[in-house]
Amino acid sequence: MSDAEAAQIKQLREVLGMTQEELAREMGVSFSTVSRWETGRGSPSPLARRRLEELRARIKPGTSSRGRR
């Protein structure tokens, strides 16, 4: 996975106001899986990519990172 893709996943999670653990629960994967995606050490499966796209669709245009942790 490219650094840009990894950064997009992290940015999506932050815009949604989720921790890695919360995103992992929402996606049905482990916390460590989300961490690997965000650091570029792993790639989402096709099913996980579809789920990420569904989550992206929740975001209203112009929404920025809230940085909640």
C-alpha atoms as a PDB file:
ATOM      1  CA  MET A   1       0.000   0.000   0.000  1.00  0.00           C
ATOM      2  CA  SER A   2       1.266   3.457  -0.819  1.00  0.00           C
ATOM      3  CA  ASP A   3       1.907   6.091   1.821  1.00  0.00           C
ATOM      4  CA  ALA A   4      -0.886   8.170   0.265  1.00  0.00           C
ATOM      5  CA  GLU A   5      -3.419   5.341   0.662  1.00  0.00           C
ATOM      6  CA  ALA A   6      -2.316   4.776   4.265  1.00  0.00           C
ATOM      7  CA  ALA A   7      -2.692   8.494   4.982  1.00  0.00           C
ATOM      8  CA  GLN A   8      -6.184   8.508   3.435  1.00  0.00           C
ATOM      9  CA  ILE A   9      -7.323   5.736   5.772  1.00  0.00           C
ATOM     10  CA  LYS A  10      -5.963   7.596   8.795  1.00  0.00           C
ATOM     11  CA  GLN A  11      -7.551  10.844   7.620  1.00  0.00           C
ATOM     12  CA  LEU A  12     -10.902   9.085   7.093  1.00  0.00           C
ATOM     13  CA  ARG A  13     -10.776   7.687  10.614  1.00  0.00           C
ATOM     14  CA  GLU A  14      -9.923  11.084  12.076  1.00  0.00           C
ATOM     15  CA  VAL A  15     -12.653  12.887  10.119  1.00  0.00           C
ATOM     16  CA  LEU A  16     -15.126  10.313  11.415  1.00  0.00           C
ATOM     17  CA  GLY A  17     -13.886  11.081  14.926  1.00  0.00           C
ATOM     18  CA  MET A  18     -12.907   7.474  15.595  1.00  0.00           C
ATOM     19  CA  THR A  19      -9.997   5.842  17.340  1.00  0.00           C
ATOM     20  CA  GLN A  20      -8.217   2.954  15.621  1.00  0.00           C
ATOM     21  CA  GLU A  21     -10.061   0.625  17.965  1.00  0.00           C
ATOM     22  CA  GLU A  22     -13.452   2.104  17.061  1.00  0.00           C
ATOM     23  CA  LEU A  23     -12.736   1.886  13.334  1.00  0.00           C
ATOM     24  CA  ALA A  24     -11.575  -1.700  13.774  1.00  0.00           C
ATOM     25  CA  ARG A  25     -14.872  -2.600  15.480  1.00  0.00           C
ATOM     26  CA  GLU A  26     -16.861  -0.844  12.749  1.00  0.00           C
ATOM     27  CA  MET A  27     -14.891  -2.695  10.057  1.00  0.00           C
ATOM     28  CA  GLY A  28     -14.942  -6.085  11.781  1.00  0.00           C
ATOM     29  CA  VAL A  29     -11.144  -6.287  11.929  1.00  0.00           C
ATOM     30  CA  SER A  30      -8.573  -6.079  14.712  1.00  0.00           C
ATOM     31  CA  PHE A  31      -7.007  -2.893  16.030  1.00  0.00           C
ATOM     32  CA  SER A  32      -3.629  -4.115  14.760  1.00  0.00           C
ATOM     33  CA  THR A  33      -5.061  -4.492  11.241  1.00  0.00           C
ATOM     34  CA  VAL A  34      -6.144  -0.841  11.194  1.00  0.00           C
ATOM     35  CA  SER A  35      -2.735   0.141  12.541  1.00  0.00           C
ATOM     36  CA  ARG A  36      -1.000  -1.789   9.731  1.00  0.00           C
ATOM     37  CA  TRP A  37      -3.218  -0.090   7.127  1.00  0.00           C
ATOM     38  CA  GLU A  38      -2.379   3.347   8.510  1.00  0.00           C
ATOM     39  CA  THR A  39       1.354   2.681   8.552  1.00  0.00           C
ATOM     40  CA  GLY A  40       1.398   1.104   5.096  1.00  0.00           C
ATOM     41  CA  ARG A  41       2.482  -2.312   6.403  1.00  0.00           C
ATOM     42  CA  GLY A  42      -0.766  -3.934   5.256  1.00  0.00           C
ATOM     43  CA  SER A  43      -3.555  -3.406   2.753  1.00  0.00           C
ATOM     44  CA  PRO A  44      -7.320  -3.705   3.166  1.00  0.00           C
ATOM     45  CA  SER A  45      -8.981  -6.655   1.471  1.00  0.00           C
ATOM     46  CA  PRO A  46     -11.431  -5.919  -1.356  1.00  0.00           C
ATOM     47  CA  LEU A  47     -14.300  -6.303   1.134  1.00  0.00           C
ATOM     48  CA  ALA A  48     -12.640  -3.914   3.598  1.00  0.00           C
ATOM     49  CA  ARG A  49     -12.023  -1.414   0.788  1.00  0.00           C
ATOM     50  CA  ARG A  50     -15.740  -1.452  -0.025  1.00  0.00           C
ATOM     51  CA  ARG A  51     -16.554  -0.867   3.634  1.00  0.00           C
ATOM     52  CA  LEU A  52     -14.103   2.055   3.758  1.00  0.00           C
ATOM     53  CA  GLU A  53     -15.869   3.563   0.748  1.00  0.00           C
ATOM     54  CA  GLU A  54     -19.202   3.205   2.572  1.00  0.00           C
ATOM     55  CA  LEU A  55     -17.713   5.045   5.545  1.00  0.00           C
ATOM     56  CA  ARG A  56     -16.353   7.771   3.225  1.00  0.00           C
ATOM     57  CA  ALA A  57     -19.892   8.273   1.923  1.00  0.00           C
ATOM     58  CA  ARG A  58     -20.953   9.283   5.465  1.00  0.00           C
ATOM     59  CA  ILE A  59     -18.718  12.344   5.354  1.00  0.00           C
ATOM     60  CA  LYS A  60     -20.319  15.622   4.413  1.00  0.00           C
ATOM     61  CA  PRO A  61     -18.378  17.770   1.917  1.00  0.00           C
ATOM     62  CA  GLY A  62     -16.165  20.290   3.663  1.00  0.00           C
ATOM     63  CA  THR A  63     -15.800  18.186   6.797  1.00  0.00           C
ATOM     64  CA  SER A  64     -12.324  18.296   8.312  1.00  0.00           C
ATOM     65  CA  SER A  65     -10.518  16.285  10.937  1.00  0.00           C
ATOM     66  CA  ARG A  66     -11.834  16.688  14.461  1.00  0.00           C
ATOM     67  CA  GLY A  67      -8.842  14.974  16.030  1.00  0.00           C
ATOM     68  CA  ARG A  68     -10.884  13.185  18.702  1.00  0.00           C
ATOM     69  CA  ARG A  69      -9.059  10.495  20.665  1.00  0.00           C
END
